[in-house]
Amino acid sequence: MKENLIKDAVALLRDMVRIPSVTFSEDAVCTMIAARLLEWGLPCVRYGNNLTALKRGSGPRTLVLDAHIDTVPAAQSYTRDPLDPGDDADTVWGLGSNDDGGSVVAMSAAFRHFLDKELPFNLVLALTCEEERAGENGSRWLYSADGPFATGELPASYHVIVGEPTGMKAATSERGLLVLDGQAQGVSGHAARNEGVNALYIALDDITALRAHRFARESAKMGPVRLNVTQIQAGTVHNVVPDSCKFVVDVRPNECYTNEEILAELQGLCRSTLTARNLRNRSSATADDGALMKTVQALGIETYSSPTTSDWMRIGADAVKMGPGESARSHKADEYIRVSEIADAVRQYIEFIEAYGNTLE
């Protein structure tokens, strides 16, 4: 049975790669996946370009298998057709094969495995859109007060496995993302007469202060908050003292701070005005005493702290990030995933789901 599941999963992934599915253009691939799930007997419900399926169990708890169906645009350096999965027996090539098609098809296969089996909890498959651009209509909506978990269409008490390419290691924490736009304001003047107030110098003083700053609270899982100034722009011509300087700060929070706390602390260091592009991209960590962590420990799964963001930060429930493939292949030319990685993921997801049930008993 598992071999047939794996064969079907690989075939679905090849078909996914053939359909362009860049963020905000997922309609065609969503339609194809929905048709395939229905062919397999999965009770699929579509919400926009999100797909869910529910297998009801005997208990109140719910485990959600969550992966995204959208991709980034193809890199210009592709040497292969990004929409051609190839016909290699051991490899599926192409855009989205690794991020996040491997998780989509492996989770779908694992869900199929339990369709005719009794479970002491509910099992949900959630295939979502708009992850790569943090859109409003994907996981952000699905797990919101307006989404099906909150309205009762899906069970409200849930844990989540977030499918992302982790080599099937368990990311038990994930850094958030806080992007700040800095604006230093000065007074223009003639450079030859040393007039004005140089906004570039104000910005440089602030950047020096930011670079030297260390946040007091460090995470046992993630370490300290990380900060880098990544862009700066000032001036129009060589002989005019600039009255404006803009710079960008990339902050990777740990779970010890809210994004609002970080913004306030950094603003206290700067004369420049710091404005957050988004305060919602929070850091996440798996509860040490929860069913997910107990399952990870019972199975001896290797854990780590992930430096990259995912839909985890939009879920608002205890979660762990785990999926086939490798993060280093994501968003790069000639993306691929091994068939053996998909096969191993199907088996490991099934094992995890079974063990998760044991932690609830």
Protein backbone atom coordinates (compact mmCIF):
# COMPACT_ATOMS: atom_id res chain seq x y z
CA MET A 1 0.00 0.00 0.00
CA LYS A 2 2.75 2.48 0.94
CA GLU A 3 4.54 1.84 -2.37
CA ASN A 4 1.40 2.80 -4.29
CA LEU A 5 1.06 5.92 -2.17
CA ILE A 6 4.66 6.89 -2.97
CA LYS A 7 4.20 6.22 -6.69
CA ASP A 8 1.08 8.40 -6.77
CA ALA A 9 2.83 11.12 -4.76
CA VAL A 10 5.73 11.33 -7.21
CA ALA A 11 3.35 11.44 -10.17
CA LEU A 12 1.38 14.27 -8.54
CA LEU A 13 4.58 16.21 -7.90
CA ARG A 14 5.63 15.95 -11.54
CA ASP A 15 2.22 17.29 -12.59
CA MET A 16 2.50 20.14 -10.08
CA VAL A 17 5.87 21.20 -11.51
CA ARG A 18 4.37 21.36 -15.02
CA ILE A 19 1.81 23.99 -13.95
CA PRO A 20 3.04 27.55 -13.22
CA SER A 21 2.10 28.35 -9.61
CA VAL A 22 3.93 31.53 -8.63
CA THR A 23 2.34 33.20 -5.60
CA PHE A 24 -1.04 34.80 -6.36
CA SER A 25 -1.35 32.62 -9.50
CA GLU A 26 -2.15 29.26 -7.91
CA ASP A 27 -5.64 28.68 -9.36
CA ALA A 28 -4.61 26.14 -12.03
CA VAL A 29 -2.40 24.05 -9.77
CA CYS A 30 -5.01 24.15 -7.00
CA THR A 31 -7.66 22.88 -9.42
CA MET A 32 -5.42 20.03 -10.55
CA ILE A 33 -4.50 18.98 -7.00
CA ALA A 34 -8.14 19.11 -5.90
CA ALA A 35 -9.16 16.83 -8.76
CA ARG A 36 -6.40 14.36 -7.86
CA LEU A 37 -7.35 14.30 -4.18
CA LEU A 38 -10.97 13.61 -5.09
CA GLU A 39 -9.87 10.78 -7.40
CA TRP A 40 -8.10 9.26 -4.40
CA GLY A 41 -11.24 9.52 -2.27
CA LEU A 42 -10.03 12.38 -0.09
CA PRO A 43 -12.97 14.54 1.16
CA CYS A 44 -11.51 17.78 -0.20
CA VAL A 45 -12.93 21.27 0.43
CA ARG A 46 -11.64 24.34 -1.42
CA TYR A 47 -11.40 27.82 0.12
CA GLY A 48 -10.10 30.15 -2.59
CA ASN A 49 -6.80 28.51 -3.52
CA ASN A 50 -6.52 26.59 -0.24
CA LEU A 51 -7.49 22.93 0.03
CA THR A 52 -8.45 21.05 3.19
CA ALA A 53 -9.46 17.47 3.92
CA LEU A 54 -10.71 16.13 7.25
CA LYS A 55 -10.48 12.61 8.67
CA ARG A 56 -12.54 12.56 11.86
CA GLY A 57 -11.22 10.58 14.80
CA SER A 58 -12.59 9.60 18.19
CA GLY A 59 -11.02 12.38 20.29
CA PRO A 60 -11.23 16.18 20.44
CA ARG A 61 -7.60 16.89 19.47
CA THR A 62 -6.62 17.55 15.84
CA LEU A 63 -3.32 17.17 14.00
CA VAL A 64 -2.94 19.33 10.89
CA LEU A 65 -0.56 18.51 8.02
CA ASP A 66 0.15 21.91 6.43
CA ALA A 67 2.16 22.61 3.25
CA HIS A 68 2.02 25.33 0.60
CA ILE A 69 1.37 24.98 -3.14
CA ASP A 70 2.83 28.27 -4.43
CA THR A 71 6.37 28.94 -5.67
CA VAL A 72 8.74 31.84 -6.12
CA PRO A 73 9.48 32.98 -9.71
CA ALA A 74 12.11 30.95 -11.55
CA ALA A 75 15.67 32.21 -11.20
CA GLN A 76 17.23 33.46 -14.45
CA SER A 77 20.17 31.11 -13.98
CA TYR A 78 18.12 27.94 -14.56
CA THR A 79 19.92 25.62 -16.99
CA ARG A 80 16.83 23.39 -17.28
CA ASP A 81 13.24 24.22 -18.09
CA PRO A 82 11.85 25.12 -14.63
CA LEU A 83 8.47 23.60 -15.59
CA ASP A 84 9.92 20.28 -16.75
CA PRO A 85 10.16 17.69 -13.96
CA GLY A 86 12.21 15.37 -16.17
CA ASP A 87 11.80 11.62 -16.35
CA ASP A 88 14.63 10.54 -14.07
CA ALA A 89 13.67 7.55 -11.96
CA ASP A 90 15.37 8.95 -8.85
CA THR A 91 14.86 12.74 -9.14
CA VAL A 92 12.04 15.23 -9.71
CA TRP A 93 13.36 18.49 -11.11
CA GLY A 94 11.78 21.89 -11.46
CA LEU A 95 10.37 24.94 -9.75
CA GLY A 96 8.65 24.09 -6.48
CA SER A 97 9.73 20.44 -6.48
CA ASN A 98 11.72 20.91 -3.25
CA ASP A 99 9.91 23.97 -1.86
CA ASP A 100 7.25 22.95 -1.22
CA GLY A 101 5.95 20.27 -3.55
CA GLY A 102 7.72 17.45 -1.75
CA SER A 103 5.88 18.23 1.48
CA VAL A 104 2.56 18.67 -0.34
CA VAL A 105 2.63 15.23 -1.94
CA ALA A 106 4.19 13.38 1.01
CA MET A 107 1.63 14.80 3.43
CA SER A 108 -1.19 13.98 1.01
CA ALA A 109 0.06 10.39 0.79
CA ALA A 110 0.30 10.07 4.58
CA PHE A 111 -3.23 11.43 4.96
CA ARG A 112 -4.49 8.84 2.43
CA HIS A 113 -2.87 6.08 4.48
CA PHE A 114 -5.19 6.82 7.42
CA LEU A 115 -8.45 7.25 5.51
CA ASP A 116 -9.78 3.82 6.49
CA LYS A 117 -8.07 3.60 9.89
CA GLU A 118 -9.30 4.51 13.36
CA LEU A 119 -7.52 7.42 15.04
CA PRO A 120 -7.89 8.83 18.56
CA PHE A 121 -7.76 12.34 17.09
CA ASN A 122 -8.86 14.23 13.98
CA LEU A 123 -6.46 14.50 11.05
CA VAL A 124 -6.54 17.48 8.66
CA LEU A 125 -4.66 18.04 5.43
CA ALA A 126 -4.21 21.76 4.66
CA LEU A 127 -2.63 22.78 1.34
CA THR A 128 -2.30 26.54 1.27
CA CYS A 129 -1.52 29.39 -1.12
CA GLU A 130 0.45 32.65 -0.95
CA GLU A 131 3.11 31.42 1.51
CA GLU A 132 6.10 32.78 -0.41
CA ARG A 133 4.71 36.34 -0.32
CA ALA A 134 3.02 36.23 3.08
CA GLY A 135 -0.33 36.83 1.41
CA GLU A 136 -3.59 37.52 3.20
CA ASN A 137 -5.56 34.63 1.68
CA GLY A 138 -3.43 31.60 2.57
CA SER A 139 -2.55 30.36 6.05
CA ARG A 140 -3.03 33.83 7.47
CA TRP A 141 -6.75 33.56 6.61
CA LEU A 142 -7.11 29.79 7.16
CA TYR A 143 -6.09 30.00 10.84
CA SER A 144 -7.71 33.40 11.50
CA ALA A 145 -10.94 34.25 13.30
CA ASP A 146 -12.67 34.15 9.91
CA GLY A 147 -11.20 30.82 8.79
CA PRO A 148 -12.70 27.31 8.97
CA PHE A 149 -10.96 26.33 12.22
CA ALA A 150 -12.56 29.28 14.01
CA THR A 151 -15.99 28.90 12.41
CA GLY A 152 -16.30 25.21 13.27
CA GLU A 153 -15.99 23.84 9.75
CA LEU A 154 -12.75 22.24 10.96
CA PRO A 155 -11.97 21.15 14.56
CA ALA A 156 -10.69 24.07 16.60
CA SER A 157 -8.24 22.34 18.98
CA TYR A 158 -5.20 21.52 16.89
CA HIS A 159 -1.45 21.01 16.53
CA VAL A 160 0.33 21.52 13.22
CA ILE A 161 3.18 19.94 11.29
CA VAL A 162 4.41 22.63 8.89
CA GLY A 163 5.81 20.98 5.79
CA GLU A 164 9.00 22.67 4.59
CA PRO A 165 12.27 21.19 3.28
CA THR A 166 14.14 20.29 6.49
CA GLY A 167 15.58 16.91 5.54
CA MET A 168 12.85 15.50 7.84
CA LYS A 169 14.64 16.94 10.85
CA ALA A 170 12.29 18.72 13.22
CA ALA A 171 12.67 22.47 13.46
CA THR A 172 11.41 23.17 16.97
CA SER A 173 11.97 26.90 16.71
CA GLU A 174 11.95 29.42 13.90
CA ARG A 175 13.19 32.97 13.86
CA GLY A 176 10.76 35.72 12.99
CA LEU A 177 11.41 38.56 10.55
CA LEU A 178 11.26 42.26 11.31
CA VAL A 179 12.24 44.67 8.51
CA LEU A 180 12.75 48.28 9.56
CA ASP A 181 13.01 51.32 7.28
CA GLY A 182 15.26 53.98 8.79
CA GLN A 183 14.82 57.64 7.83
CA ALA A 184 17.44 60.21 8.91
CA GLN A 185 16.45 63.83 8.37
CA GLY A 186 18.99 66.66 8.01
CA VAL A 187 19.28 70.05 6.31
CA SER A 188 20.69 70.44 2.81
CA GLY A 189 23.56 72.83 2.12
CA HIS A 190 26.54 73.52 -0.13
CA ALA A 191 29.31 70.99 0.50
CA ALA A 192 32.04 73.55 -0.33
CA ARG A 193 30.87 75.82 2.50
CA ASN A 194 30.23 72.96 4.90
CA GLU A 195 26.62 74.06 5.28
CA GLY A 196 23.60 72.15 6.48
CA VAL A 197 23.11 69.08 8.65
CA ASN A 198 24.31 65.91 6.95
CA ALA A 199 21.61 63.25 7.16
CA LEU A 200 24.09 60.63 6.01
CA TYR A 201 26.21 61.24 9.11
CA ILE A 202 23.13 60.95 11.34
CA ALA A 203 22.33 57.62 9.70
CA LEU A 204 25.92 56.40 10.04
CA ASP A 205 25.93 57.20 13.77
CA ASP A 206 22.66 55.31 14.15
CA ILE A 207 23.97 52.36 12.13
CA THR A 208 27.06 52.23 14.34
CA ALA A 209 24.83 52.15 17.42
CA LEU A 210 22.66 49.41 15.92
CA ARG A 211 25.69 47.36 14.96
CA ALA A 212 27.08 47.52 18.48
CA HIS A 213 23.80 46.78 20.23
CA ARG A 214 23.22 43.45 21.95
CA PHE A 215 19.79 42.36 23.16
CA ALA A 216 19.84 41.13 26.73
CA ARG A 217 17.46 38.19 26.43
CA GLU A 218 18.89 35.18 24.60
CA SER A 219 16.92 32.10 23.63
CA ALA A 220 18.08 28.65 24.69
CA LYS A 221 16.94 27.38 21.27
CA MET A 222 17.77 30.29 18.94
CA GLY A 223 20.43 32.33 20.68
CA PRO A 224 20.42 36.14 20.50
CA VAL A 225 18.34 38.41 18.29
CA ARG A 226 20.23 38.96 15.03
CA LEU A 227 20.43 42.32 13.29
CA ASN A 228 21.99 43.53 10.03
CA VAL A 229 21.79 46.81 8.14
CA THR A 230 21.43 45.72 4.53
CA GLN A 231 20.73 48.87 2.46
CA ILE A 232 21.52 52.59 2.54
CA GLN A 233 20.65 55.46 0.19
CA ALA A 234 21.49 59.16 0.37
CA GLY A 235 22.46 62.15 -1.74
CA THR A 236 21.79 63.32 -5.29
CA VAL A 237 24.98 65.09 -6.42
CA HIS A 238 28.51 65.36 -5.05
CA ASN A 239 28.36 69.01 -3.89
CA VAL A 240 25.10 69.00 -1.92
CA VAL A 241 24.98 67.91 1.72
CA PRO A 242 22.14 65.36 1.81
CA ASP A 243 19.08 66.29 3.84
CA SER A 244 17.72 62.72 3.80
CA CYS A 245 19.22 59.28 4.23
CA LYS A 246 17.31 56.02 4.13
CA PHE A 247 18.52 52.64 5.33
CA VAL A 248 17.06 49.18 5.91
CA VAL A 249 17.53 46.99 8.98
CA ASP A 250 16.93 43.23 8.77
CA VAL A 251 16.13 41.81 12.25
CA ARG A 252 15.71 38.11 13.00
CA PRO A 253 13.95 37.91 16.39
CA ASN A 254 14.00 35.07 18.89
CA GLU A 255 10.97 34.06 20.95
CA CYS A 256 12.09 36.13 23.97
CA TYR A 257 10.88 39.38 22.40
CA THR A 258 7.82 40.62 20.60
CA ASN A 259 8.47 42.59 17.43
CA GLU A 260 6.99 45.64 19.14
CA GLU A 261 9.55 45.35 21.96
CA ILE A 262 12.43 45.10 19.50
CA LEU A 263 11.26 48.14 17.54
CA ALA A 264 10.94 50.21 20.72
CA GLU A 265 14.40 49.20 21.97
CA LEU A 266 16.09 50.01 18.67
CA GLN A 267 14.25 53.30 18.24
CA GLY A 268 15.65 54.36 21.61
CA LEU A 269 19.16 54.09 20.15
CA CYS A 270 18.52 56.17 17.04
CA ARG A 271 17.89 59.77 15.98
CA SER A 272 16.54 58.36 12.72
CA THR A 273 12.90 57.32 12.59
CA LEU A 274 12.48 53.54 12.37
CA THR A 275 9.29 52.21 10.75
CA ALA A 276 8.37 48.53 10.69
CA ARG A 277 7.10 47.16 7.40
CA ASN A 278 5.24 44.43 9.27
CA LEU A 279 4.98 43.51 12.95
CA ARG A 280 3.20 40.18 12.36
CA ASN A 281 6.14 37.98 11.35
CA ARG A 282 6.83 36.69 14.83
CA SER A 283 9.27 34.03 15.97
CA SER A 284 7.95 30.59 16.94
CA ALA A 285 8.96 27.72 19.22
CA THR A 286 7.48 24.28 19.89
CA ALA A 287 6.14 23.86 23.42
CA ASP A 288 8.59 21.75 25.44
CA ASP A 289 5.82 19.87 27.25
CA GLY A 290 3.39 19.50 24.33
CA ALA A 291 2.33 16.44 22.33
CA LEU A 292 4.40 17.44 19.30
CA MET A 293 7.66 17.70 21.23
CA LYS A 294 6.89 14.45 23.07
CA THR A 295 6.38 12.75 19.70
CA VAL A 296 9.63 14.15 18.32
CA GLN A 297 11.49 12.90 21.39
CA ALA A 298 9.80 9.49 21.37
CA LEU A 299 10.88 8.91 17.78
CA GLY A 300 14.41 10.27 18.33
CA ILE A 301 14.04 12.84 15.54
CA GLU A 302 16.95 15.25 15.27
CA THR A 303 15.94 18.81 16.16
CA TYR A 304 17.33 22.24 15.25
CA SER A 305 16.43 25.93 15.18
CA SER A 306 15.45 27.19 11.73
CA PRO A 307 16.83 30.52 10.46
CA THR A 308 14.12 30.79 7.78
CA THR A 309 10.47 31.81 8.11
CA SER A 310 7.39 29.86 7.03
CA ASP A 311 3.64 29.70 7.58
CA TRP A 312 4.40 28.66 11.16
CA MET A 313 4.38 32.31 12.23
CA ARG A 314 0.80 32.69 10.93
CA ILE A 315 -0.71 29.65 12.64
CA GLY A 316 -1.07 30.68 16.28
CA ALA A 317 -0.94 27.11 17.61
CA ASP A 318 1.75 24.69 18.75
CA ALA A 319 3.64 23.44 15.71
CA VAL A 320 6.81 21.81 14.44
CA LYS A 321 8.40 22.28 10.99
CA MET A 322 9.39 19.09 9.19
CA GLY A 323 9.45 18.01 5.56
CA PRO A 324 11.43 16.31 2.77
CA GLY A 325 14.13 18.02 0.73
CA GLU A 326 16.77 20.52 1.79
CA SER A 327 16.33 24.24 2.47
CA ALA A 328 19.61 24.99 0.65
CA ARG A 329 17.95 24.00 -2.68
CA SER A 330 15.05 26.41 -2.26
CA HIS A 331 14.73 29.57 -4.34
CA LYS A 332 17.68 28.54 -6.50
CA ALA A 333 18.16 27.48 -10.11
CA ASP A 334 17.72 23.82 -11.08
CA GLU A 335 15.69 22.98 -7.97
CA TYR A 336 15.13 19.28 -7.36
CA ILE A 337 14.10 16.63 -4.84
CA ARG A 338 15.01 12.96 -4.69
CA VAL A 339 12.28 10.34 -5.05
CA SER A 340 13.88 8.54 -2.10
CA GLU A 341 13.38 11.67 0.02
CA ILE A 342 9.66 11.67 -0.78
CA ALA A 343 9.39 7.96 -0.01
CA ASP A 344 11.17 8.38 3.33
CA ALA A 345 8.95 11.35 4.19
CA VAL A 346 5.74 9.40 3.54
CA ARG A 347 6.91 6.64 5.87
CA GLN A 348 8.14 9.08 8.54
CA TYR A 349 4.93 11.14 8.48
CA ILE A 350 2.91 7.93 8.94
CA GLU A 351 5.16 6.92 11.84
CA PHE A 352 4.84 10.40 13.38
CA ILE A 353 1.04 10.38 13.14
CA GLU A 354 0.86 6.97 14.81
CA ALA A 355 3.25 8.05 17.58
CA TYR A 356 1.38 11.33 18.08
CA GLY A 357 -1.73 9.30 18.86
CA ASN A 358 0.19 7.39 21.53
CA THR A 359 1.16 10.64 23.30
CA LEU A 360 -2.53 11.54 23.67
CA GLU A 361 -3.52 8.25 25.30
